[in-house]
N, C-alpha and C. Protein backbone atom coordinates (compact mmCIF):
# COMPACT_ATOMS: atom_id res chain seq x y z
N MET A 1 158.06 162.45 107.18
CA MET A 1 157.77 161.03 107.13
C MET A 1 156.56 160.77 108.03
N ASP A 2 155.57 160.13 107.48
CA ASP A 2 154.33 159.87 108.21
C ASP A 2 154.33 158.55 108.96
N SER A 3 155.02 157.56 108.39
CA SER A 3 155.04 156.24 109.02
C SER A 3 156.45 155.67 108.93
N LEU A 4 156.69 154.68 109.75
CA LEU A 4 157.99 154.02 109.81
C LEU A 4 157.75 152.53 109.95
N THR A 5 158.38 151.75 109.07
CA THR A 5 158.27 150.29 109.15
C THR A 5 159.59 149.74 109.64
N ILE A 6 159.56 149.12 110.81
CA ILE A 6 160.76 148.50 111.39
C ILE A 6 160.36 147.17 112.01
N GLN A 7 161.25 146.20 111.88
CA GLN A 7 161.03 144.87 112.45
C GLN A 7 159.70 144.28 111.99
N GLY A 8 159.28 144.61 110.77
CA GLY A 8 158.05 144.06 110.21
C GLY A 8 156.77 144.73 110.67
N ASN A 9 156.90 145.77 111.49
CA ASN A 9 155.73 146.50 111.99
C ASN A 9 155.74 147.92 111.43
N THR A 10 154.57 148.41 111.06
CA THR A 10 154.45 149.78 110.56
C THR A 10 153.80 150.64 111.63
N TYR A 11 154.43 151.77 111.92
CA TYR A 11 153.95 152.68 112.95
C TYR A 11 153.63 154.04 112.33
N GLU A 12 152.51 154.61 112.72
CA GLU A 12 152.16 155.97 112.34
C GLU A 12 152.85 156.89 113.35
N LEU A 13 153.79 157.70 112.88
CA LEU A 13 154.61 158.49 113.79
C LEU A 13 153.81 159.57 114.52
N GLU A 14 152.78 160.09 113.90
CA GLU A 14 151.94 161.08 114.58
C GLU A 14 151.26 160.45 115.80
N MET A 15 150.78 159.22 115.65
CA MET A 15 150.14 158.52 116.77
C MET A 15 151.17 158.24 117.87
N ILE A 16 152.37 157.82 117.49
CA ILE A 16 153.42 157.55 118.49
C ILE A 16 153.75 158.83 119.24
N ASP A 17 153.91 159.95 118.53
CA ASP A 17 154.20 161.22 119.19
C ASP A 17 153.08 161.63 120.14
N ASN A 18 151.84 161.39 119.75
CA ASN A 18 150.71 161.69 120.63
C ASN A 18 150.73 160.82 121.88
N ILE A 19 151.10 159.56 121.74
CA ILE A 19 151.20 158.66 122.89
C ILE A 19 152.30 159.14 123.83
N ILE A 20 153.44 159.56 123.26
CA ILE A 20 154.55 160.04 124.08
C ILE A 20 154.14 161.26 124.89
N LYS A 21 153.38 162.16 124.28
CA LYS A 21 152.97 163.41 124.93
C LYS A 21 151.79 163.23 125.89
N ALA A 22 151.06 162.13 125.80
CA ALA A 22 149.85 161.93 126.59
C ALA A 22 150.17 161.64 128.05
N ASN A 23 149.21 161.93 128.91
CA ASN A 23 149.31 161.54 130.32
C ASN A 23 149.09 160.04 130.42
N ASP A 24 149.62 159.45 131.48
CA ASP A 24 149.42 158.01 131.70
C ASP A 24 147.94 157.65 131.77
N SER A 25 147.12 158.55 132.29
CA SER A 25 145.69 158.26 132.41
C SER A 25 145.00 158.22 131.05
N ASP A 26 145.63 158.81 130.03
CA ASP A 26 145.05 158.82 128.69
C ASP A 26 145.34 157.53 127.91
N TYR A 27 146.23 156.70 128.44
CA TYR A 27 146.61 155.47 127.73
C TYR A 27 145.48 154.45 127.76
N SER A 28 145.26 153.83 126.65
CA SER A 28 144.41 152.64 126.65
C SER A 28 145.37 151.46 126.63
N ASN A 29 144.87 150.28 126.87
CA ASN A 29 145.73 149.09 126.83
C ASN A 29 146.33 148.91 125.45
N LEU A 30 145.56 149.22 124.42
CA LEU A 30 146.07 149.10 123.05
C LEU A 30 147.22 150.06 122.81
N HIS A 31 147.05 151.32 123.23
CA HIS A 31 148.12 152.30 123.05
C HIS A 31 149.36 151.90 123.83
N ALA A 32 149.18 151.40 125.02
CA ALA A 32 150.32 150.97 125.83
C ALA A 32 151.07 149.82 125.15
N ALA A 33 150.33 148.89 124.58
CA ALA A 33 150.96 147.76 123.89
C ALA A 33 151.71 148.22 122.64
N ILE A 34 151.10 149.13 121.89
CA ILE A 34 151.76 149.67 120.69
C ILE A 34 153.03 150.41 121.09
N TYR A 35 152.95 151.22 122.13
CA TYR A 35 154.09 152.00 122.60
C TYR A 35 155.24 151.09 123.04
N LYS A 36 154.93 150.05 123.79
CA LYS A 36 155.97 149.11 124.24
C LYS A 36 156.61 148.39 123.06
N ARG A 37 155.78 147.96 122.10
CA ARG A 37 156.31 147.27 120.93
C ARG A 37 157.18 148.23 120.11
N PHE A 38 156.75 149.49 119.98
CA PHE A 38 157.52 150.49 119.24
C PHE A 38 158.88 150.70 119.90
N GLN A 39 158.90 150.85 121.23
CA GLN A 39 160.17 151.02 121.93
C GLN A 39 161.10 149.83 121.69
N LYS A 40 160.55 148.63 121.78
CA LYS A 40 161.35 147.42 121.57
C LYS A 40 161.90 147.39 120.14
N ASP A 41 161.05 147.69 119.16
CA ASP A 41 161.48 147.68 117.77
C ASP A 41 162.51 148.77 117.49
N ILE A 42 162.35 149.93 118.12
CA ILE A 42 163.33 151.02 117.95
C ILE A 42 164.69 150.55 118.48
N TYR A 43 164.71 149.95 119.66
CA TYR A 43 165.98 149.52 120.25
C TYR A 43 166.63 148.43 119.40
N THR A 44 165.85 147.47 118.95
CA THR A 44 166.38 146.38 118.12
C THR A 44 166.95 146.94 116.82
N THR A 45 166.22 147.85 116.18
CA THR A 45 166.69 148.43 114.93
C THR A 45 167.92 149.29 115.16
N TYR A 46 167.95 150.05 116.26
CA TYR A 46 169.13 150.85 116.59
C TYR A 46 170.36 149.95 116.74
N LYS A 47 170.20 148.84 117.44
CA LYS A 47 171.32 147.90 117.61
C LYS A 47 171.79 147.38 116.26
N GLN A 48 170.86 147.11 115.35
CA GLN A 48 171.22 146.63 114.02
C GLN A 48 171.97 147.70 113.24
N ILE A 49 171.52 148.94 113.33
CA ILE A 49 172.21 150.05 112.66
C ILE A 49 173.63 150.17 113.21
N ARG A 50 173.75 150.13 114.52
CA ARG A 50 175.07 150.22 115.16
C ARG A 50 175.95 149.06 114.73
N HIS A 51 175.37 147.87 114.65
CA HIS A 51 176.14 146.67 114.32
C HIS A 51 176.68 146.70 112.89
N ILE A 52 175.91 147.16 111.92
CA ILE A 52 176.42 147.15 110.54
C ILE A 52 177.53 148.17 110.36
N HIS A 53 177.64 149.14 111.25
CA HIS A 53 178.71 150.13 111.16
C HIS A 53 179.90 149.77 112.05
N LYS A 54 179.72 148.85 112.96
CA LYS A 54 180.81 148.38 113.84
C LYS A 54 180.43 146.98 114.29
N PRO A 55 180.79 145.96 113.48
CA PRO A 55 180.32 144.60 113.75
C PRO A 55 180.85 143.96 115.04
N LYS A 56 181.90 144.50 115.64
CA LYS A 56 182.40 143.93 116.89
C LYS A 56 181.52 144.42 118.04
N ALA A 57 180.62 143.57 118.47
CA ALA A 57 179.62 143.96 119.47
C ALA A 57 180.25 144.38 120.80
N CYS A 58 181.42 143.86 121.10
CA CYS A 58 182.06 144.20 122.37
C CYS A 58 182.60 145.63 122.36
N GLU A 59 182.76 146.22 121.18
CA GLU A 59 183.24 147.59 121.05
C GLU A 59 182.08 148.47 120.58
N LYS A 60 181.21 148.81 121.48
CA LYS A 60 180.01 149.56 121.10
C LYS A 60 180.36 150.99 120.69
N LEU A 61 179.72 151.46 119.62
CA LEU A 61 179.88 152.84 119.18
C LEU A 61 178.98 153.74 120.01
N SER A 62 179.44 154.95 120.25
CA SER A 62 178.59 155.92 120.92
C SER A 62 177.49 156.36 119.95
N LEU A 63 176.46 156.94 120.50
CA LEU A 63 175.35 157.43 119.69
C LEU A 63 175.84 158.44 118.65
N GLU A 64 176.73 159.33 119.06
CA GLU A 64 177.25 160.35 118.14
C GLU A 64 178.04 159.71 117.00
N LYS A 65 178.82 158.67 117.30
CA LYS A 65 179.58 158.00 116.24
C LYS A 65 178.67 157.23 115.30
N VAL A 66 177.61 156.65 115.83
CA VAL A 66 176.65 155.97 114.97
C VAL A 66 176.05 156.97 113.99
N LYS A 67 175.65 158.15 114.50
CA LYS A 67 175.08 159.19 113.64
C LYS A 67 176.08 159.62 112.57
N ALA A 68 177.33 159.80 112.97
CA ALA A 68 178.36 160.29 112.05
C ALA A 68 178.76 159.25 111.01
N ASN A 69 178.62 157.98 111.33
CA ASN A 69 179.10 156.91 110.44
C ASN A 69 178.02 156.27 109.58
N LEU A 70 176.84 156.85 109.52
CA LEU A 70 175.77 156.26 108.71
C LEU A 70 176.19 156.16 107.25
N ARG A 71 175.99 155.00 106.67
CA ARG A 71 176.30 154.78 105.25
C ARG A 71 175.01 154.35 104.55
N ASP A 72 174.56 155.18 103.62
CA ASP A 72 173.29 154.91 102.93
C ASP A 72 173.27 153.53 102.30
N HIS A 73 174.37 153.19 101.63
CA HIS A 73 174.44 151.91 100.91
C HIS A 73 174.27 150.73 101.87
N TRP A 74 174.96 150.77 103.00
CA TRP A 74 174.87 149.68 103.98
C TRP A 74 173.48 149.60 104.57
N LEU A 75 172.89 150.75 104.87
CA LEU A 75 171.54 150.77 105.44
C LEU A 75 170.54 150.12 104.50
N GLU A 76 170.67 150.44 103.21
CA GLU A 76 169.73 149.89 102.23
C GLU A 76 169.95 148.40 102.00
N ILE A 77 171.22 147.99 101.90
CA ILE A 77 171.51 146.57 101.63
C ILE A 77 171.17 145.68 102.82
N TYR A 78 171.66 146.04 103.99
CA TYR A 78 171.55 145.15 105.15
C TYR A 78 170.24 145.30 105.93
N LEU A 79 169.68 146.50 105.96
CA LEU A 79 168.49 146.72 106.80
C LEU A 79 167.27 147.19 106.02
N ASN A 80 167.44 147.44 104.74
CA ASN A 80 166.34 147.94 103.91
C ASN A 80 165.75 149.22 104.50
N LEU A 81 166.64 150.12 104.95
CA LEU A 81 166.25 151.41 105.52
C LEU A 81 166.87 152.53 104.71
N THR A 82 166.17 153.64 104.59
CA THR A 82 166.76 154.84 104.01
C THR A 82 167.50 155.59 105.12
N ARG A 83 168.30 156.56 104.73
CA ARG A 83 169.00 157.37 105.73
C ARG A 83 167.97 158.09 106.62
N GLU A 84 166.91 158.61 106.01
CA GLU A 84 165.88 159.32 106.77
C GLU A 84 165.24 158.41 107.82
N GLU A 85 164.95 157.17 107.44
CA GLU A 85 164.36 156.22 108.39
C GLU A 85 165.36 155.89 109.50
N ALA A 86 166.62 155.71 109.15
CA ALA A 86 167.64 155.41 110.16
C ALA A 86 167.80 156.58 111.12
N GLU A 87 167.79 157.80 110.60
CA GLU A 87 167.90 158.97 111.47
C GLU A 87 166.68 159.09 112.39
N THR A 88 165.51 158.73 111.90
CA THR A 88 164.31 158.74 112.73
C THR A 88 164.42 157.71 113.85
N VAL A 89 164.90 156.52 113.52
CA VAL A 89 165.11 155.47 114.53
C VAL A 89 166.09 155.97 115.59
N ILE A 90 167.18 156.59 115.17
CA ILE A 90 168.19 157.09 116.11
C ILE A 90 167.61 158.18 117.00
N GLU A 91 166.79 159.07 116.44
CA GLU A 91 166.16 160.12 117.25
C GLU A 91 165.27 159.52 118.34
N TYR A 92 164.45 158.55 117.97
CA TYR A 92 163.58 157.91 118.96
C TYR A 92 164.41 157.10 119.97
N ALA A 93 165.47 156.46 119.52
CA ALA A 93 166.33 155.71 120.45
C ALA A 93 166.93 156.65 121.48
N GLU A 94 167.37 157.81 121.02
CA GLU A 94 167.93 158.79 121.94
C GLU A 94 166.87 159.30 122.91
N LEU A 95 165.66 159.52 122.42
CA LEU A 95 164.56 159.98 123.27
C LEU A 95 164.21 158.94 124.33
N PHE A 96 164.09 157.68 123.92
CA PHE A 96 163.67 156.62 124.84
C PHE A 96 164.78 156.15 125.77
N PHE A 97 165.99 156.02 125.25
CA PHE A 97 167.04 155.33 126.01
C PHE A 97 168.18 156.23 126.43
N GLY A 98 168.23 157.44 125.91
CA GLY A 98 169.17 158.47 126.33
C GLY A 98 170.57 158.00 126.66
N LEU A 99 170.95 158.18 127.90
CA LEU A 99 172.31 157.88 128.34
C LEU A 99 172.67 156.40 128.25
N ALA A 100 171.69 155.55 128.24
CA ALA A 100 171.96 154.10 128.18
C ALA A 100 172.63 153.70 126.87
N ILE A 101 172.45 154.50 125.81
CA ILE A 101 173.05 154.14 124.52
C ILE A 101 174.13 155.12 124.10
N LYS A 102 174.46 156.10 124.93
CA LYS A 102 175.48 157.08 124.54
C LYS A 102 176.86 156.58 124.73
C-alpha cells in the first residue's frame, strides 16, 4: 500500500516512514506538521476501529483483541476502510502509542 486516506487526509506512507526514521534536525516545519496530523489521524481512526468492535467506550479492548476482532464488513460499512488499511492504522498506532493503547 502506497498511501492511506484517513480522516479525510491522504498520506504517502513512504514519506511518513522517512519522517519517522529521520533525525529531528532533518525535520522541516512542513514535515513536522504532517507528522503531527498523521499521528492524530491514526489515533482517531484507531479509536473508531476499536469502537465499532466494542461500542461500550468504558470497556476498552486491548490492542490484541482489536486485531483479533476485525470484521471486514463493519470496517467497510462504518469506516469505509479495507482490512489492509485498518491493519496499517493499527500498526502505526502501536508504533506511536505503544503501551498507552494496549
